Amino acid sequence: MPGDSLVVGKTHRYGHLSCLSLGRVLVSVDDEIVEGLAPWTYFCPAGVKRVLYALEDSVWTTFHGTQETDITILERDLVY
């Protein structure tokens, strides 16, 4: 994510890990705004929509346990 970017995530059906491997972000967590500074790993519970603001160029990765590789099927199975 380029710095000064606002990103609205999808609402996931299952809990998953997310990792900020580069940069600094503000992220909505439990009705609060939390600053994340890389390296930072975070567990995101199911049913929660995250909003991130990249304070600087950042890399945010979401991990889902699956063997599926078809993005259409992944979207159907993992998000609302």
PDB file of N, CA and C in Angstrom:
ATOM      1  N   MET A   1       0.857  -1.162   0.000  1.00  0.00           N
ATOM      2  CA  MET A   1       0.000   0.000   0.000  1.00  0.00           C
ATOM      3  C   MET A   1       0.907   1.230   0.000  1.00  0.00           C
ATOM      4  N   PRO A   2       0.696   2.121  -0.921  1.00  0.00           N
ATOM      5  CA  PRO A   2       1.469   3.360  -0.887  1.00  0.00           C
ATOM      6  C   PRO A   2       1.116   4.169   0.365  1.00  0.00           C
ATOM      7  N   GLY A   3       2.067   4.917   0.864  1.00  0.00           N
ATOM      8  CA  GLY A   3       1.782   5.795   1.982  1.00  0.00           C
ATOM      9  C   GLY A   3       0.633   6.729   1.646  1.00  0.00           C
ATOM     10  N   ASP A   4      -0.117   7.145   2.657  1.00  0.00           N
ATOM     11  CA  ASP A   4      -1.274   8.025   2.510  1.00  0.00           C
ATOM     12  C   ASP A   4      -2.406   7.344   1.749  1.00  0.00           C
ATOM     13  N   SER A   5      -2.548   6.007   1.936  1.00  0.00           N
ATOM     14  CA  SER A   5      -3.629   5.239   1.313  1.00  0.00           C
ATOM     15  C   SER A   5      -4.615   4.763   2.365  1.00  0.00           C
ATOM     16  N   LEU A   6      -5.886   4.765   2.030  1.00  0.00           N
ATOM     17  CA  LEU A   6      -6.926   4.216   2.877  1.00  0.00           C
ATOM     18  C   LEU A   6      -7.416   2.923   2.230  1.00  0.00           C
ATOM     19  N   VAL A   7      -7.439   1.836   3.003  1.00  0.00           N
ATOM     20  CA  VAL A   7      -7.838   0.530   2.482  1.00  0.00           C
ATOM     21  C   VAL A   7      -8.961  -0.018   3.356  1.00  0.00           C
ATOM     22  N   VAL A   8     -10.058  -0.408   2.731  1.00  0.00           N
ATOM     23  CA  VAL A   8     -11.165  -1.043   3.443  1.00  0.00           C
ATOM     24  C   VAL A   8     -11.124  -2.525   3.086  1.00  0.00           C
ATOM     25  N   GLY A   9     -10.912  -3.368   4.095  1.00  0.00           N
ATOM     26  CA  GLY A   9     -10.816  -4.804   3.864  1.00  0.00           C
ATOM     27  C   GLY A   9     -12.187  -5.442   3.694  1.00  0.00           C
ATOM     28  N   LYS A  10     -12.168  -6.697   3.424  1.00  0.00           N
ATOM     29  CA  LYS A  10     -13.399  -7.478   3.302  1.00  0.00           C
ATOM     30  C   LYS A  10     -13.736  -8.095   4.650  1.00  0.00           C
ATOM     31  N   THR A  11     -14.988  -8.462   4.827  1.00  0.00           N
ATOM     32  CA  THR A  11     -15.416  -9.149   6.042  1.00  0.00           C
ATOM     33  C   THR A  11     -15.203 -10.641   5.822  1.00  0.00           C
ATOM     34  N   HIS A  12     -14.311 -11.229   6.610  1.00  0.00           N
ATOM     35  CA  HIS A  12     -13.947 -12.636   6.432  1.00  0.00           C
ATOM     36  C   HIS A  12     -14.831 -13.557   7.272  1.00  0.00           C
ATOM     37  N   ARG A  13     -15.123 -14.714   6.716  1.00  0.00           N
ATOM     38  CA  ARG A  13     -15.958 -15.704   7.407  1.00  0.00           C
ATOM     39  C   ARG A  13     -15.225 -16.423   8.535  1.00  0.00           C
ATOM     40  N   TYR A  14     -13.896 -16.458   8.477  1.00  0.00           N
ATOM     41  CA  TYR A  14     -13.093 -17.218   9.441  1.00  0.00           C
ATOM     42  C   TYR A  14     -11.987 -16.332  10.006  1.00  0.00           C
ATOM     43  N   GLY A  15     -11.578 -16.610  11.226  1.00  0.00           N
ATOM     44  CA  GLY A  15     -10.439 -15.921  11.789  1.00  0.00           C
ATOM     45  C   GLY A  15      -9.185 -16.248  10.988  1.00  0.00           C
ATOM     46  N   HIS A  16      -8.240 -15.312  10.964  1.00  0.00           N
ATOM     47  CA  HIS A  16      -7.026 -15.506  10.180  1.00  0.00           C
ATOM     48  C   HIS A  16      -5.913 -14.610  10.711  1.00  0.00           C
ATOM     49  N   LEU A  17      -4.708 -14.894  10.301  1.00  0.00           N
ATOM     50  CA  LEU A  17      -3.568 -14.054  10.650  1.00  0.00           C
ATOM     51  C   LEU A  17      -3.341 -13.007   9.576  1.00  0.00           C
ATOM     52  N   SER A  18      -2.910 -11.847  10.010  1.00  0.00           N
ATOM     53  CA  SER A  18      -2.451 -10.803   9.107  1.00  0.00           C
ATOM     54  C   SER A  18      -1.086 -10.350   9.598  1.00  0.00           C
ATOM     55  N   CYS A  19      -0.264  -9.922   8.664  1.00  0.00           N
ATOM     56  CA  CYS A  19       1.098  -9.531   9.002  1.00  0.00           C
ATOM     57  C   CYS A  19       1.445  -8.228   8.290  1.00  0.00           C
ATOM     58  N   LEU A  20       1.926  -7.280   9.051  1.00  0.00           N
ATOM     59  CA  LEU A  20       2.485  -6.062   8.476  1.00  0.00           C
ATOM     60  C   LEU A  20       3.992  -6.281   8.422  1.00  0.00           C
ATOM     61  N   SER A  21       4.515  -6.508   7.231  1.00  0.00           N
ATOM     62  CA  SER A  21       5.933  -6.836   7.098  1.00  0.00           C
ATOM     63  C   SER A  21       6.796  -5.636   6.724  1.00  0.00           C
ATOM     64  N   LEU A  22       6.157  -4.536   6.339  1.00  0.00           N
ATOM     65  CA  LEU A  22       6.887  -3.321   5.994  1.00  0.00           C
ATOM     66  C   LEU A  22       5.996  -2.134   6.283  1.00  0.00           C
ATOM     67  N   GLY A  23       6.541  -1.110   6.921  1.00  0.00           N
ATOM     68  CA  GLY A  23       5.828   0.150   7.060  1.00  0.00           C
ATOM     69  C   GLY A  23       5.141   0.373   8.382  1.00  0.00           C
ATOM     70  N   ARG A  24       4.185   1.315   8.311  1.00  0.00           N
ATOM     71  CA  ARG A  24       3.458   1.759   9.503  1.00  0.00           C
ATOM     72  C   ARG A  24       2.038   2.101   9.080  1.00  0.00           C
ATOM     73  N   VAL A  25       1.054   1.588   9.832  1.00  0.00           N
ATOM     74  CA  VAL A  25      -0.355   1.796   9.498  1.00  0.00           C
ATOM     75  C   VAL A  25      -1.151   2.157  10.738  1.00  0.00           C
ATOM     76  N   LEU A  26      -2.306   2.727  10.506  1.00  0.00           N
ATOM     77  CA  LEU A  26      -3.345   2.831  11.519  1.00  0.00           C
ATOM     78  C   LEU A  26      -4.418   1.849  11.115  1.00  0.00           C
ATOM     79  N   VAL A  27      -4.922   1.068  12.067  1.00  0.00           N
ATOM     80  CA  VAL A  27      -5.912   0.045  11.740  1.00  0.00           C
ATOM     81  C   VAL A  27      -7.003   0.042  12.803  1.00  0.00           C
ATOM     82  N   SER A  28      -8.245  -0.156  12.373  1.00  0.00           N
ATOM     83  CA  SER A  28      -9.353  -0.251  13.319  1.00  0.00           C
ATOM     84  C   SER A  28      -9.316  -1.629  13.976  1.00  0.00           C
ATOM     85  N   VAL A  29      -9.283  -1.635  15.310  1.00  0.00           N
ATOM     86  CA  VAL A  29      -9.260  -2.872  16.086  1.00  0.00           C
ATOM     87  C   VAL A  29     -10.183  -2.684  17.281  1.00  0.00           C
ATOM     88  N   ASP A  30     -11.268  -3.466  17.324  1.00  0.00           N
ATOM     89  CA  ASP A  30     -12.194  -3.417  18.462  1.00  0.00           C
ATOM     90  C   ASP A  30     -12.630  -1.998  18.807  1.00  0.00           C
ATOM     91  N   ASP A  31     -13.134  -1.274  17.827  1.00  0.00           N
ATOM     92  CA  ASP A  31     -13.634   0.096  18.001  1.00  0.00           C
ATOM     93  C   ASP A  31     -12.567   1.087  18.438  1.00  0.00           C
ATOM     94  N   GLU A  32     -11.312   0.757  18.207  1.00  0.00           N
ATOM     95  CA  GLU A  32     -10.206   1.661  18.482  1.00  0.00           C
ATOM     96  C   GLU A  32      -9.342   1.769  17.233  1.00  0.00           C
ATOM     97  N   ILE A  33      -8.539   2.799  17.177  1.00  0.00           N
ATOM     98  CA  ILE A  33      -7.545   2.937  16.120  1.00  0.00           C
ATOM     99  C   ILE A  33      -6.192   2.621  16.749  1.00  0.00           C
ATOM    100  N   VAL A  34      -5.520   1.609  16.184  1.00  0.00           N
ATOM    101  CA  VAL A  34      -4.241   1.139  16.704  1.00  0.00           C
ATOM    102  C   VAL A  34      -3.170   1.389  15.665  1.00  0.00           C
ATOM    103  N   GLU A  35      -1.991   1.833  16.110  1.00  0.00           N
ATOM    104  CA  GLU A  35      -0.878   1.993  15.189  1.00  0.00           C
ATOM    105  C   GLU A  35      -0.095   0.697  15.118  1.00  0.00           C
ATOM    106  N   GLY A  36       0.104   0.196  13.913  1.00  0.00           N
ATOM    107  CA  GLY A  36       0.917  -0.993  13.693  1.00  0.00           C
ATOM    108  C   GLY A  36       2.221  -0.598  13.044  1.00  0.00           C
ATOM    109  N   LEU A  37       3.314  -1.124  13.577  1.00  0.00           N
ATOM    110  CA  LEU A  37       4.641  -0.848  13.050  1.00  0.00           C
ATOM    111  C   LEU A  37       5.291  -2.176  12.707  1.00  0.00           C
ATOM    112  N   ALA A  38       5.757  -2.316  11.475  1.00  0.00           N
ATOM    113  CA  ALA A  38       6.368  -3.580  11.044  1.00  0.00           C
ATOM    114  C   ALA A  38       7.654  -3.841  11.834  1.00  0.00           C
ATOM    115  N   PRO A  39       7.903  -5.104  12.123  1.00  0.00           N
ATOM    116  CA  PRO A  39       7.090  -6.289  11.859  1.00  0.00           C
ATOM    117  C   PRO A  39       5.998  -6.439  12.916  1.00  0.00           C
ATOM    118  N   TRP A  40       4.791  -6.770  12.467  1.00  0.00           N
ATOM    119  CA  TRP A  40       3.642  -6.898  13.367  1.00  0.00           C
ATOM    120  C   TRP A  40       2.719  -7.976  12.824  1.00  0.00           C
ATOM    121  N   THR A  41       2.393  -8.950  13.648  1.00  0.00           N
ATOM    122  CA  THR A  41       1.452 -10.005  13.269  1.00  0.00           C
ATOM    123  C   THR A  41       0.232  -9.880  14.151  1.00  0.00           C
ATOM    124  N   TYR A  42      -0.936 -10.039  13.530  1.00  0.00           N
ATOM    125  CA  TYR A  42      -2.191  -9.783  14.227  1.00  0.00           C
ATOM    126  C   TYR A  42      -3.206 -10.859  13.877  1.00  0.00           C
ATOM    127  N   PHE A  43      -3.949 -11.366  14.866  1.00  0.00           N
ATOM    128  CA  PHE A  43      -5.042 -12.302  14.609  1.00  0.00           C
ATOM    129  C   PHE A  43      -6.320 -11.509  14.412  1.00  0.00           C
ATOM    130  N   CYS A  44      -6.958 -11.699  13.257  1.00  0.00           N
ATOM    131  CA  CYS A  44      -8.221 -11.032  12.940  1.00  0.00           C
ATOM    132  C   CYS A  44      -9.360 -12.030  13.137  1.00  0.00           C
ATOM    133  N   PRO A  45     -10.285 -11.746  14.037  1.00  0.00           N
ATOM    134  CA  PRO A  45     -11.397 -12.675  14.228  1.00  0.00           C
ATOM    135  C   PRO A  45     -12.364 -12.650  13.054  1.00  0.00           C
ATOM    136  N   ALA A  46     -13.171 -13.687  12.947  1.00  0.00           N
ATOM    137  CA  ALA A  46     -14.176 -13.779  11.889  1.00  0.00           C
ATOM    138  C   ALA A  46     -15.211 -12.670  12.037  1.00  0.00           C
ATOM    139  N   GLY A  47     -15.773 -12.252  10.902  1.00  0.00           N
ATOM    140  CA  GLY A  47     -16.887 -11.325  10.901  1.00  0.00           C
ATOM    141  C   GLY A  47     -16.541  -9.872  11.140  1.00  0.00           C
ATOM    142  N   VAL A  48     -15.274  -9.505  11.060  1.00  0.00           N
ATOM    143  CA  VAL A  48     -14.853  -8.136  11.339  1.00  0.00           C
ATOM    144  C   VAL A  48     -14.307  -7.498  10.068  1.00  0.00           C
ATOM    145  N   LYS A  49     -14.742  -6.278   9.785  1.00  0.00           N
ATOM    146  CA  LYS A  49     -14.215  -5.512   8.651  1.00  0.00           C
ATOM    147  C   LYS A  49     -13.163  -4.556   9.200  1.00  0.00           C
ATOM    148  N   ARG A  50     -11.990  -4.579   8.596  1.00  0.00           N
ATOM    149  CA  ARG A  50     -10.890  -3.706   9.006  1.00  0.00           C
ATOM    150  C   ARG A  50     -10.759  -2.544   8.034  1.00  0.00           C
ATOM    151  N   VAL A  51     -10.379  -1.404   8.589  1.00  0.00           N
ATOM    152  CA  VAL A  51     -10.027  -0.240   7.791  1.00  0.00           C
ATOM    153  C   VAL A  51      -8.593   0.117   8.169  1.00  0.00           C
ATOM    154  N   LEU A  52      -7.738   0.247   7.150  1.00  0.00           N
ATOM    155  CA  LEU A  52      -6.341   0.580   7.370  1.00  0.00           C
ATOM    156  C   LEU A  52      -6.002   1.889   6.688  1.00  0.00           C
ATOM    157  N   TYR A  53      -5.159   2.659   7.340  1.00  0.00           N
ATOM    158  CA  TYR A  53      -4.597   3.851   6.724  1.00  0.00           C
ATOM    159  C   TYR A  53      -3.086   3.702   6.752  1.00  0.00           C
ATOM    160  N   ALA A  54      -2.455   3.688   5.590  1.00  0.00           N
ATOM    161  CA  ALA A  54      -1.006   3.535   5.508  1.00  0.00           C
ATOM    162  C   ALA A  54      -0.346   4.888   5.760  1.00  0.00           C
ATOM    163  N   LEU A  55       0.376   4.987   6.860  1.00  0.00           N
ATOM    164  CA  LEU A  55       1.099   6.211   7.183  1.00  0.00           C
ATOM    165  C   LEU A  55       2.348   6.361   6.305  1.00  0.00           C
ATOM    166  N   GLU A  56       2.848   5.218   5.827  1.00  0.00           N
ATOM    167  CA  GLU A  56       3.983   5.191   4.897  1.00  0.00           C
ATOM    168  C   GLU A  56       3.826   3.961   4.028  1.00  0.00           C
ATOM    169  N   ASP A  57       4.644   3.819   3.000  1.00  0.00           N
ATOM    170  CA  ASP A  57       4.557   2.628   2.150  1.00  0.00           C
ATOM    171  C   ASP A  57       4.596   1.394   3.034  1.00  0.00           C
ATOM    172  N   SER A  58       3.639   0.471   2.826  1.00  0.00           N
ATOM    173  CA  SER A  58       3.474  -0.667   3.723  1.00  0.00           C
ATOM    174  C   SER A  58       3.102  -1.920   2.958  1.00  0.00           C
ATOM    175  N   VAL A  59       3.424  -3.068   3.552  1.00  0.00           N
ATOM    176  CA  VAL A  59       3.026  -4.363   3.000  1.00  0.00           C
ATOM    177  C   VAL A  59       2.227  -5.092   4.070  1.00  0.00           C
ATOM    178  N   TRP A  60       0.956  -5.383   3.787  1.00  0.00           N
ATOM    179  CA  TRP A  60       0.027  -6.064   4.693  1.00  0.00           C
ATOM    180  C   TRP A  60      -0.408  -7.344   3.997  1.00  0.00           C
ATOM    181  N   THR A  61      -0.216  -8.480   4.648  1.00  0.00           N
ATOM    182  CA  THR A  61      -0.571  -9.767   4.061  1.00  0.00           C
ATOM    183  C   THR A  61      -1.558 -10.474   4.966  1.00  0.00           C
ATOM    184  N   THR A  62      -2.603 -11.030   4.366  1.00  0.00           N
ATOM    185  CA  THR A  62      -3.594 -11.815   5.092  1.00  0.00           C
ATOM    186  C   THR A  62      -3.403 -13.280   4.728  1.00  0.00           C
ATOM    187  N   PHE A  63      -3.407 -14.155   5.743  1.00  0.00           N
ATOM    188  CA  PHE A  63      -3.180 -15.581   5.529  1.00  0.00           C
ATOM    189  C   PHE A  63      -4.453 -16.371   5.809  1.00  0.00           C
ATOM    190  N   HIS A  64      -4.828 -17.232   4.864  1.00  0.00           N
ATOM    191  CA  HIS A  64      -5.967 -18.125   5.026  1.00  0.00           C
ATOM    192  C   HIS A  64      -5.492 -19.549   4.768  1.00  0.00           C
ATOM    193  N   GLY A  65      -5.889 -20.478   5.614  1.00  0.00           N
ATOM    194  CA  GLY A  65      -5.542 -21.878   5.413  1.00  0.00           C
ATOM    195  C   GLY A  65      -6.461 -22.513   4.382  1.00  0.00           C
ATOM    196  N   THR A  66      -5.938 -22.785   3.198  1.00  0.00           N
ATOM    197  CA  THR A  66      -6.724 -23.402   2.132  1.00  0.00           C
ATOM    198  C   THR A  66      -5.789 -24.015   1.101  1.00  0.00           C
ATOM    199  N   GLN A  67      -6.310 -24.967   0.368  1.00  0.00           N
ATOM    200  CA  GLN A  67      -5.582 -25.530  -0.769  1.00  0.00           C
ATOM    201  C   GLN A  67      -6.098 -24.945  -2.084  1.00  0.00           C
ATOM    202  N   GLU A  68      -7.182 -24.165  -2.012  1.00  0.00           N
ATOM    203  CA  GLU A  68      -7.819 -23.607  -3.202  1.00  0.00           C
ATOM    204  C   GLU A  68      -6.927 -22.542  -3.842  1.00  0.00           C
ATOM    205  N   THR A  69      -6.909 -22.489  -5.167  1.00  0.00           N
ATOM    206  CA  THR A  69      -6.140 -21.473  -5.884  1.00  0.00           C
ATOM    207  C   THR A  69      -6.993 -20.610  -6.802  1.00  0.00           C
ATOM    208  N   ASP A  70      -8.253 -20.965  -6.980  1.00  0.00           N
ATOM    209  CA  ASP A  70      -9.155 -20.198  -7.842  1.00  0.00           C
ATOM    210  C   ASP A  70      -9.714 -19.020  -7.048  1.00  0.00           C
ATOM    211  N   ILE A  71      -9.388 -17.791  -7.473  1.00  0.00           N
ATOM    212  CA  ILE A  71      -9.779 -16.600  -6.724  1.00  0.00           C
ATOM    213  C   ILE A  71     -11.295 -16.467  -6.598  1.00  0.00           C
ATOM    214  N   THR A  72     -12.044 -16.881  -7.600  1.00  0.00           N
ATOM    215  CA  THR A  72     -13.506 -16.811  -7.535  1.00  0.00           C
ATOM    216  C   THR A  72     -14.036 -17.703  -6.413  1.00  0.00           C
ATOM    217  N   ILE A  73     -13.515 -18.893  -6.321  1.00  0.00           N
ATOM    218  CA  ILE A  73     -13.932 -19.819  -5.263  1.00  0.00           C
ATOM    219  C   ILE A  73     -13.460 -19.318  -3.901  1.00  0.00           C
ATOM    220  N   LEU A  74     -12.240 -18.801  -3.831  1.00  0.00           N
ATOM    221  CA  LEU A  74     -11.727 -18.253  -2.568  1.00  0.00           C
ATOM    222  C   LEU A  74     -12.610 -17.114  -2.072  1.00  0.00           C
ATOM    223  N   GLU A  75     -12.954 -16.195  -2.951  1.00  0.00           N
ATOM    224  CA  GLU A  75     -13.817 -15.067  -2.562  1.00  0.00           C
ATOM    225  C   GLU A  75     -15.158 -15.577  -2.047  1.00  0.00           C
ATOM    226  N   ARG A  76     -15.730 -16.559  -2.724  1.00  0.00           N
ATOM    227  CA  ARG A  76     -17.022 -17.114  -2.322  1.00  0.00           C
ATOM    228  C   ARG A  76     -16.923 -17.770  -0.950  1.00  0.00           C
ATOM    229  N   ASP A  77     -15.844 -18.512  -0.710  1.00  0.00           N
ATOM    230  CA  ASP A  77     -15.708 -19.294   0.529  1.00  0.00           C
ATOM    231  C   ASP A  77     -15.217 -18.482   1.720  1.00  0.00           C
ATOM    232  N   LEU A  78     -14.432 -17.442   1.497  1.00  0.00           N
ATOM    233  CA  LEU A  78     -13.756 -16.768   2.604  1.00  0.00           C
ATOM    234  C   LEU A  78     -14.356 -15.441   3.033  1.00  0.00           C
ATOM    235  N   VAL A  79     -15.097 -14.760   2.164  1.00  0.00           N
ATOM    236  CA  VAL A  79     -15.606 -13.441   2.540  1.00  0.00           C
ATOM    237  C   VAL A  79     -17.114 -13.355   2.328  1.00  0.00           C
ATOM    238  N   TYR A  80     -17.713 -12.406   3.028  1.00  0.00           N
ATOM    239  CA  TYR A  80     -19.146 -12.143   2.878  1.00  0.00           C
ATOM    240  C   TYR A  80     -19.389 -11.345   1.631  1.00  0.00           C
TER     241      TYR A  80
END
